[in-house]
All heavy atoms as atom14 arrays in JSON, in Angstrom:
{
  "sequence": "EIAVACQAESRCANLSRPAAPPVELSLYYESLCPACRM",
  "atom14_mask": [
    [1, 1, 1, 1, 1, 1, 1, 1, 1, 0, 0, 0, 0, 0],
    [1, 1, 1, 1, 1, 1, 1, 1, 0, 0, 0, 0, 0, 0],
    [1, 1, 1, 1, 1, 0, 0, 0, 0, 0, 0, 0, 0, 0],
    [1, 1, 1, 1, 1, 1, 1, 0, 0, 0, 0, 0, 0, 0],
    [1, 1, 1, 1, 1, 0, 0, 0, 0, 0, 0, 0, 0, 0],
    [1, 1, 1, 1, 1, 1, 0, 0, 0, 0, 0, 0, 0, 0],
    [1, 1, 1, 1, 1, 1, 1, 1, 1, 0, 0, 0, 0, 0],
    [1, 1, 1, 1, 1, 0, 0, 0, 0, 0, 0, 0, 0, 0],
    [1, 1, 1, 1, 1, 1, 1, 1, 1, 0, 0, 0, 0, 0],
    [1, 1, 1, 1, 1, 1, 0, 0, 0, 0, 0, 0, 0, 0],
    [1, 1, 1, 1, 1, 1, 1, 1, 1, 1, 1, 0, 0, 0],
    [1, 1, 1, 1, 1, 1, 0, 0, 0, 0, 0, 0, 0, 0],
    [1, 1, 1, 1, 1, 0, 0, 0, 0, 0, 0, 0, 0, 0],
    [1, 1, 1, 1, 1, 1, 1, 1, 0, 0, 0, 0, 0, 0],
    [1, 1, 1, 1, 1, 1, 1, 1, 0, 0, 0, 0, 0, 0],
    [1, 1, 1, 1, 1, 1, 0, 0, 0, 0, 0, 0, 0, 0],
    [1, 1, 1, 1, 1, 1, 1, 1, 1, 1, 1, 0, 0, 0],
    [1, 1, 1, 1, 1, 1, 1, 0, 0, 0, 0, 0, 0, 0],
    [1, 1, 1, 1, 1, 0, 0, 0, 0, 0, 0, 0, 0, 0],
    [1, 1, 1, 1, 1, 0, 0, 0, 0, 0, 0, 0, 0, 0],
    [1, 1, 1, 1, 1, 1, 1, 0, 0, 0, 0, 0, 0, 0],
    [1, 1, 1, 1, 1, 1, 1, 0, 0, 0, 0, 0, 0, 0],
    [1, 1, 1, 1, 1, 1, 1, 0, 0, 0, 0, 0, 0, 0],
    [1, 1, 1, 1, 1, 1, 1, 1, 1, 0, 0, 0, 0, 0],
    [1, 1, 1, 1, 1, 1, 1, 1, 0, 0, 0, 0, 0, 0],
    [1, 1, 1, 1, 1, 1, 0, 0, 0, 0, 0, 0, 0, 0],
    [1, 1, 1, 1, 1, 1, 1, 1, 0, 0, 0, 0, 0, 0],
    [1, 1, 1, 1, 1, 1, 1, 1, 1, 1, 1, 1, 0, 0],
    [1, 1, 1, 1, 1, 1, 1, 1, 1, 1, 1, 1, 0, 0],
    [1, 1, 1, 1, 1, 1, 1, 1, 1, 0, 0, 0, 0, 0],
    [1, 1, 1, 1, 1, 1, 0, 0, 0, 0, 0, 0, 0, 0],
    [1, 1, 1, 1, 1, 1, 1, 1, 0, 0, 0, 0, 0, 0],
    [1, 1, 1, 1, 1, 1, 0, 0, 0, 0, 0, 0, 0, 0],
    [1, 1, 1, 1, 1, 1, 1, 0, 0, 0, 0, 0, 0, 0],
    [1, 1, 1, 1, 1, 0, 0, 0, 0, 0, 0, 0, 0, 0],
    [1, 1, 1, 1, 1, 1, 0, 0, 0, 0, 0, 0, 0, 0],
    [1, 1, 1, 1, 1, 1, 1, 1, 1, 1, 1, 0, 0, 0],
    [1, 1, 1, 1, 1, 1, 1, 1, 0, 0, 0, 0, 0, 0]
  ],
  "atom14_positions": [
    [[123.72, 186.07, 140.61], [125.1, 185.95, 141.09], [125.34, 186.84, 142.3], [125.95, 186.42, 143.3], [126.09, 186.29, 139.97], [126.1, 185.31, 138.82], [124.91, 185.49, 137.86], [124.34, 186.6, 137.79], [124.53, 184.5, 137.22], [0.0, 0.0, 0.0], [0.0, 0.0, 0.0], [0.0, 0.0, 0.0], [0.0, 0.0, 0.0], [0.0, 0.0, 0.0]],
    [[124.87, 188.08, 142.22], [125.05, 189.01, 143.34], [124.25, 188.54, 144.55], [124.74, 188.55, 145.69], [124.68, 190.45, 142.93], [125.66, 190.96, 141.88], [124.65, 191.38, 144.15], [125.3, 192.32, 141.3], [0.0, 0.0, 0.0], [0.0, 0.0, 0.0], [0.0, 0.0, 0.0], [0.0, 0.0, 0.0], [0.0, 0.0, 0.0], [0.0, 0.0, 0.0]],
    [[123.03, 188.09, 144.33], [122.18, 187.61, 145.44], [122.84, 186.43, 146.14], [122.81, 186.35, 147.38], [120.8, 187.24, 144.92], [0.0, 0.0, 0.0], [0.0, 0.0, 0.0], [0.0, 0.0, 0.0], [0.0, 0.0, 0.0], [0.0, 0.0, 0.0], [0.0, 0.0, 0.0], [0.0, 0.0, 0.0], [0.0, 0.0, 0.0], [0.0, 0.0, 0.0]],
    [[123.44, 185.51, 145.38], [124.13, 184.36, 145.98], [125.34, 184.84, 146.78], [125.56, 184.41, 147.92], [124.53, 183.33, 144.89], [125.48, 182.28, 145.44], [123.29, 182.68, 144.3], [0.0, 0.0, 0.0], [0.0, 0.0, 0.0], [0.0, 0.0, 0.0], [0.0, 0.0, 0.0], [0.0, 0.0, 0.0], [0.0, 0.0, 0.0], [0.0, 0.0, 0.0]],
    [[126.14, 185.73, 146.19], [127.34, 186.24, 146.88], [126.98, 186.94, 148.18], [127.72, 186.84, 149.17], [128.11, 187.19, 145.97], [0.0, 0.0, 0.0], [0.0, 0.0, 0.0], [0.0, 0.0, 0.0], [0.0, 0.0, 0.0], [0.0, 0.0, 0.0], [0.0, 0.0, 0.0], [0.0, 0.0, 0.0], [0.0, 0.0, 0.0], [0.0, 0.0, 0.0]],
    [[125.83, 187.61, 148.2], [125.42, 188.36, 149.38], [124.45, 187.58, 150.26], [123.87, 188.14, 151.21], [124.8, 189.7, 148.96], [126.0, 190.75, 148.11], [0.0, 0.0, 0.0], [0.0, 0.0, 0.0], [0.0, 0.0, 0.0], [0.0, 0.0, 0.0], [0.0, 0.0, 0.0], [0.0, 0.0, 0.0], [0.0, 0.0, 0.0], [0.0, 0.0, 0.0]],
    [[124.24, 186.31, 149.93], [123.35, 185.42, 150.67], [121.95, 186.02, 150.84], [121.36, 185.99, 151.91], [123.96, 185.05, 152.02], [125.28, 184.32, 151.88], [125.89, 183.94, 153.21], [125.22, 183.97, 154.24], [127.16, 183.57, 153.2], [0.0, 0.0, 0.0], [0.0, 0.0, 0.0], [0.0, 0.0, 0.0], [0.0, 0.0, 0.0], [0.0, 0.0, 0.0]],
    [[121.42, 186.58, 149.76], [120.12, 187.25, 149.83], [119.1, 186.65, 148.85], [118.03, 187.21, 148.68], [120.3, 188.73, 149.54], [0.0, 0.0, 0.0], [0.0, 0.0, 0.0], [0.0, 0.0, 0.0], [0.0, 0.0, 0.0], [0.0, 0.0, 0.0], [0.0, 0.0, 0.0], [0.0, 0.0, 0.0], [0.0, 0.0, 0.0], [0.0, 0.0, 0.0]],
    [[119.41, 185.51, 148.23], [118.51, 184.99, 147.19], [117.1, 184.68, 147.7], [116.13, 184.84, 146.97], [119.11, 183.81, 146.43], [119.48, 182.6, 147.25], [120.93, 182.5, 147.62], [121.35, 183.21, 148.55], [121.64, 181.68, 147.02], [0.0, 0.0, 0.0], [0.0, 0.0, 0.0], [0.0, 0.0, 0.0], [0.0, 0.0, 0.0], [0.0, 0.0, 0.0]],
    [[116.96, 184.28, 148.97], [115.62, 183.98, 149.5], [114.78, 185.25, 149.66], [113.56, 185.19, 149.75], [115.72, 183.25, 150.83], [116.31, 184.1, 151.8], [0.0, 0.0, 0.0], [0.0, 0.0, 0.0], [0.0, 0.0, 0.0], [0.0, 0.0, 0.0], [0.0, 0.0, 0.0], [0.0, 0.0, 0.0], [0.0, 0.0, 0.0], [0.0, 0.0, 0.0]],
    [[115.42, 186.41, 149.66], [114.7, 187.68, 149.82], [114.46, 188.38, 148.5], [113.9, 189.46, 148.46], [115.48, 188.59, 150.75], [115.49, 188.09, 152.17], [116.54, 188.8, 152.98], [116.64, 188.29, 154.32], [117.24, 187.16, 154.65], [117.78, 186.41, 153.73], [117.3, 186.76, 155.89], [0.0, 0.0, 0.0], [0.0, 0.0, 0.0], [0.0, 0.0, 0.0]],
    [[114.94, 187.8, 147.41], [114.83, 188.45, 146.09], [113.71, 187.81, 145.28], [113.93, 186.87, 144.52], [116.16, 188.36, 145.35], [117.52, 189.18, 146.2], [0.0, 0.0, 0.0], [0.0, 0.0, 0.0], [0.0, 0.0, 0.0], [0.0, 0.0, 0.0], [0.0, 0.0, 0.0], [0.0, 0.0, 0.0], [0.0, 0.0, 0.0], [0.0, 0.0, 0.0]],
    [[112.51, 188.32, 145.42], [111.35, 187.76, 144.72], [111.43, 187.94, 143.21], [110.82, 187.19, 142.46], [110.07, 188.4, 145.25], [0.0, 0.0, 0.0], [0.0, 0.0, 0.0], [0.0, 0.0, 0.0], [0.0, 0.0, 0.0], [0.0, 0.0, 0.0], [0.0, 0.0, 0.0], [0.0, 0.0, 0.0], [0.0, 0.0, 0.0], [0.0, 0.0, 0.0]],
    [[112.21, 188.92, 142.76], [112.26, 189.2, 141.33], [113.15, 188.21, 140.56], [113.11, 188.17, 139.33], [112.77, 190.62, 141.08], [114.21, 190.81, 141.55], [114.57, 190.32, 142.62], [115.0, 191.53, 140.79], [0.0, 0.0, 0.0], [0.0, 0.0, 0.0], [0.0, 0.0, 0.0], [0.0, 0.0, 0.0], [0.0, 0.0, 0.0], [0.0, 0.0, 0.0]],
    [[113.94, 187.41, 141.26], [114.82, 186.46, 140.58], [114.02, 185.23, 140.17], [113.27, 184.67, 140.97], [115.98, 186.05, 141.48], [116.95, 187.16, 141.87], [118.01, 186.61, 142.81], [117.59, 187.78, 140.64], [0.0, 0.0, 0.0], [0.0, 0.0, 0.0], [0.0, 0.0, 0.0], [0.0, 0.0, 0.0], [0.0, 0.0, 0.0], [0.0, 0.0, 0.0]],
    [[114.2, 184.81, 138.94], [113.48, 183.63, 138.49], [114.11, 182.39, 139.1], [115.31, 182.32, 139.32], [113.5, 183.55, 136.96], [114.83, 183.43, 136.52], [0.0, 0.0, 0.0], [0.0, 0.0, 0.0], [0.0, 0.0, 0.0], [0.0, 0.0, 0.0], [0.0, 0.0, 0.0], [0.0, 0.0, 0.0], [0.0, 0.0, 0.0], [0.0, 0.0, 0.0]],
    [[113.29, 181.43, 139.37], [113.75, 180.17, 139.93], [114.22, 179.27, 138.79], [113.77, 179.43, 137.65], [112.62, 179.48, 140.7], [112.01, 180.34, 141.79], [113.0, 180.51, 142.95], [112.43, 181.34, 143.99], [112.98, 182.45, 144.42], [114.08, 182.89, 143.9], [112.43, 183.14, 145.38], [0.0, 0.0, 0.0], [0.0, 0.0, 0.0], [0.0, 0.0, 0.0]],
    [[115.08, 178.3, 139.06], [115.49, 177.39, 138.01], [114.26, 176.7, 137.4], [113.35, 176.28, 138.11], [116.37, 176.37, 138.74], [116.79, 177.04, 140.0], [115.7, 178.03, 140.33], [0.0, 0.0, 0.0], [0.0, 0.0, 0.0], [0.0, 0.0, 0.0], [0.0, 0.0, 0.0], [0.0, 0.0, 0.0], [0.0, 0.0, 0.0], [0.0, 0.0, 0.0]],
    [[114.22, 176.63, 136.09], [113.06, 176.08, 135.4], [113.05, 174.55, 135.49], [114.09, 173.9, 135.42], [113.09, 176.5, 133.93], [0.0, 0.0, 0.0], [0.0, 0.0, 0.0], [0.0, 0.0, 0.0], [0.0, 0.0, 0.0], [0.0, 0.0, 0.0], [0.0, 0.0, 0.0], [0.0, 0.0, 0.0], [0.0, 0.0, 0.0], [0.0, 0.0, 0.0]],
    [[111.87, 174.02, 135.65], [111.68, 172.57, 135.61], [111.69, 172.15, 134.14], [111.4, 172.96, 133.26], [110.36, 172.2, 136.26], [0.0, 0.0, 0.0], [0.0, 0.0, 0.0], [0.0, 0.0, 0.0], [0.0, 0.0, 0.0], [0.0, 0.0, 0.0], [0.0, 0.0, 0.0], [0.0, 0.0, 0.0], [0.0, 0.0, 0.0], [0.0, 0.0, 0.0]],
    [[112.02, 170.91, 133.88], [111.98, 170.47, 132.48], [110.54, 170.53, 131.97], [109.59, 170.42, 132.75], [112.48, 169.02, 132.53], [112.41, 168.61, 133.95], [112.43, 169.85, 134.78], [0.0, 0.0, 0.0], [0.0, 0.0, 0.0], [0.0, 0.0, 0.0], [0.0, 0.0, 0.0], [0.0, 0.0, 0.0], [0.0, 0.0, 0.0], [0.0, 0.0, 0.0]],
    [[110.36, 170.72, 130.66], [108.99, 170.82, 130.14], [108.24, 169.5, 130.28], [108.83, 168.43, 130.3], [109.2, 171.17, 128.66], [110.58, 170.69, 128.34], [111.37, 170.81, 129.61], [0.0, 0.0, 0.0], [0.0, 0.0, 0.0], [0.0, 0.0, 0.0], [0.0, 0.0, 0.0], [0.0, 0.0, 0.0], [0.0, 0.0, 0.0], [0.0, 0.0, 0.0]],
    [[106.94, 169.61, 130.37], [106.08, 168.43, 130.36], [106.09, 167.9, 128.93], [105.87, 168.65, 127.98], [104.64, 168.78, 130.79], [103.69, 167.62, 130.59], [104.63, 169.27, 132.22], [0.0, 0.0, 0.0], [0.0, 0.0, 0.0], [0.0, 0.0, 0.0], [0.0, 0.0, 0.0], [0.0, 0.0, 0.0], [0.0, 0.0, 0.0], [0.0, 0.0, 0.0]],
    [[106.38, 166.61, 128.76], [106.42, 165.98, 127.45], [105.05, 165.37, 127.17], [104.57, 164.56, 127.96], [107.49, 164.87, 127.41], [108.88, 165.34, 127.75], [109.59, 165.97, 126.57], [109.22, 165.66, 125.42], [110.51, 166.76, 126.8], [0.0, 0.0, 0.0], [0.0, 0.0, 0.0], [0.0, 0.0, 0.0], [0.0, 0.0, 0.0], [0.0, 0.0, 0.0]],
    [[104.43, 165.75, 126.07], [103.12, 165.23, 125.71], [103.15, 164.76, 124.26], [103.56, 165.52, 123.38], [102.06, 166.32, 125.88], [100.65, 165.87, 125.57], [99.73, 166.28, 126.7], [100.17, 166.47, 124.27], [0.0, 0.0, 0.0], [0.0, 0.0, 0.0], [0.0, 0.0, 0.0], [0.0, 0.0, 0.0], [0.0, 0.0, 0.0], [0.0, 0.0, 0.0]],
    [[102.76, 163.51, 124.02], [102.64, 162.99, 122.66], [101.17, 162.69, 122.41], [100.54, 161.98, 123.2], [103.46, 161.71, 122.49], [104.83, 161.98, 122.63], [0.0, 0.0, 0.0], [0.0, 0.0, 0.0], [0.0, 0.0, 0.0], [0.0, 0.0, 0.0], [0.0, 0.0, 0.0], [0.0, 0.0, 0.0], [0.0, 0.0, 0.0], [0.0, 0.0, 0.0]],
    [[100.64, 163.24, 121.33], [99.25, 163.01, 120.98], [99.18, 162.19, 119.7], [99.58, 162.65, 118.64], [98.5, 164.34, 120.78], [97.04, 164.21, 120.33], [96.21, 163.52, 121.41], [96.47, 165.58, 119.99], [0.0, 0.0, 0.0], [0.0, 0.0, 0.0], [0.0, 0.0, 0.0], [0.0, 0.0, 0.0], [0.0, 0.0, 0.0], [0.0, 0.0, 0.0]],
    [[98.73, 160.95, 119.82], [98.47, 160.1, 118.67], [97.0, 160.31, 118.33], [96.14, 160.01, 119.15], [98.75, 158.63, 119.01], [100.23, 158.35, 119.17], [100.92, 158.77, 120.3], [100.92, 157.68, 118.18], [102.27, 158.54, 120.44], [102.28, 157.43, 118.31], [102.94, 157.86, 119.44], [104.29, 157.62, 119.57], [0.0, 0.0, 0.0], [0.0, 0.0, 0.0]],
    [[96.73, 160.85, 117.17], [95.36, 161.24, 116.84], [95.03, 160.86, 115.41], [95.89, 160.47, 114.63], [95.16, 162.74, 117.07], [95.93, 163.62, 116.11], [95.3, 164.21, 115.02], [97.28, 163.86, 116.28], [96.0, 165.02, 114.14], [97.99, 164.66, 115.41], [97.34, 165.24, 114.33], [98.04, 166.03, 113.45], [0.0, 0.0, 0.0], [0.0, 0.0, 0.0]],
    [[93.76, 161.0, 115.07], [93.26, 160.75, 113.72], [92.69, 162.05, 113.19], [91.97, 162.75, 113.9], [92.17, 159.68, 113.76], [92.62, 158.39, 114.4], [91.45, 157.53, 114.84], [90.32, 158.05, 114.99], [91.66, 156.33, 115.02], [0.0, 0.0, 0.0], [0.0, 0.0, 0.0], [0.0, 0.0, 0.0], [0.0, 0.0, 0.0], [0.0, 0.0, 0.0]],
    [[92.98, 162.36, 111.95], [92.58, 163.67, 111.4], [91.07, 163.85, 111.26], [90.61, 164.97, 111.19], [93.27, 163.91, 110.06], [92.82, 163.0, 109.09], [0.0, 0.0, 0.0], [0.0, 0.0, 0.0], [0.0, 0.0, 0.0], [0.0, 0.0, 0.0], [0.0, 0.0, 0.0], [0.0, 0.0, 0.0], [0.0, 0.0, 0.0], [0.0, 0.0, 0.0]],
    [[90.31, 162.78, 111.23], [88.84, 162.93, 111.12], [88.09, 162.4, 112.34], [86.87, 162.32, 112.32], [88.32, 162.21, 109.87], [88.59, 162.9, 108.54], [87.96, 162.12, 107.4], [88.08, 164.32, 108.53], [0.0, 0.0, 0.0], [0.0, 0.0, 0.0], [0.0, 0.0, 0.0], [0.0, 0.0, 0.0], [0.0, 0.0, 0.0], [0.0, 0.0, 0.0]],
    [[88.8, 162.06, 113.39], [88.14, 161.57, 114.6], [87.55, 162.75, 115.36], [88.27, 163.68, 115.74], [89.16, 160.84, 115.48], [88.52, 160.4, 117.12], [0.0, 0.0, 0.0], [0.0, 0.0, 0.0], [0.0, 0.0, 0.0], [0.0, 0.0, 0.0], [0.0, 0.0, 0.0], [0.0, 0.0, 0.0], [0.0, 0.0, 0.0], [0.0, 0.0, 0.0]],
    [[86.24, 162.77, 115.58], [85.61, 163.91, 116.26], [86.2, 164.19, 117.65], [86.43, 165.34, 117.99], [84.14, 163.52, 116.36], [83.94, 162.51, 115.27], [85.25, 161.78, 115.14], [0.0, 0.0, 0.0], [0.0, 0.0, 0.0], [0.0, 0.0, 0.0], [0.0, 0.0, 0.0], [0.0, 0.0, 0.0], [0.0, 0.0, 0.0], [0.0, 0.0, 0.0]],
    [[86.45, 163.17, 118.44], [87.0, 163.38, 119.79], [88.44, 163.91, 119.72], [88.8, 164.81, 120.49], [86.95, 162.08, 120.59], [0.0, 0.0, 0.0], [0.0, 0.0, 0.0], [0.0, 0.0, 0.0], [0.0, 0.0, 0.0], [0.0, 0.0, 0.0], [0.0, 0.0, 0.0], [0.0, 0.0, 0.0], [0.0, 0.0, 0.0], [0.0, 0.0, 0.0]],
    [[89.24, 163.38, 118.81], [90.62, 163.86, 118.65], [90.62, 165.32, 118.23], [91.38, 166.14, 118.76], [91.37, 163.04, 117.6], [91.64, 161.31, 118.04], [0.0, 0.0, 0.0], [0.0, 0.0, 0.0], [0.0, 0.0, 0.0], [0.0, 0.0, 0.0], [0.0, 0.0, 0.0], [0.0, 0.0, 0.0], [0.0, 0.0, 0.0], [0.0, 0.0, 0.0]],
    [[89.77, 165.65, 117.27], [89.72, 167.02, 116.76], [89.26, 167.98, 117.85], [89.8, 169.07, 117.99], [88.78, 167.08, 115.56], [89.31, 166.21, 114.41], [88.36, 166.14, 113.3], [88.65, 167.3, 112.46], [87.87, 167.72, 111.51], [86.73, 167.11, 111.27], [88.2, 168.77, 110.8], [0.0, 0.0, 0.0], [0.0, 0.0, 0.0], [0.0, 0.0, 0.0]],
    [[88.26, 167.58, 118.62], [87.76, 168.44, 119.68], [88.87, 168.69, 120.72], [89.09, 169.82, 121.15], [86.54, 167.83, 120.36], [85.91, 168.73, 121.4], [84.38, 168.08, 122.09], [85.02, 166.82, 123.16], [0.0, 0.0, 0.0], [0.0, 0.0, 0.0], [0.0, 0.0, 0.0], [0.0, 0.0, 0.0], [0.0, 0.0, 0.0], [0.0, 0.0, 0.0]]
  ]
}
């Protein structure tokens, strides 16, 4: 908030950037399939 008010956000390396949404991964697997297990 202070960095934005003072127009200094590009100079503040310690501020975290807005997070991207998580990568969505669905794994359809078989409990005894060697490749799935590996």
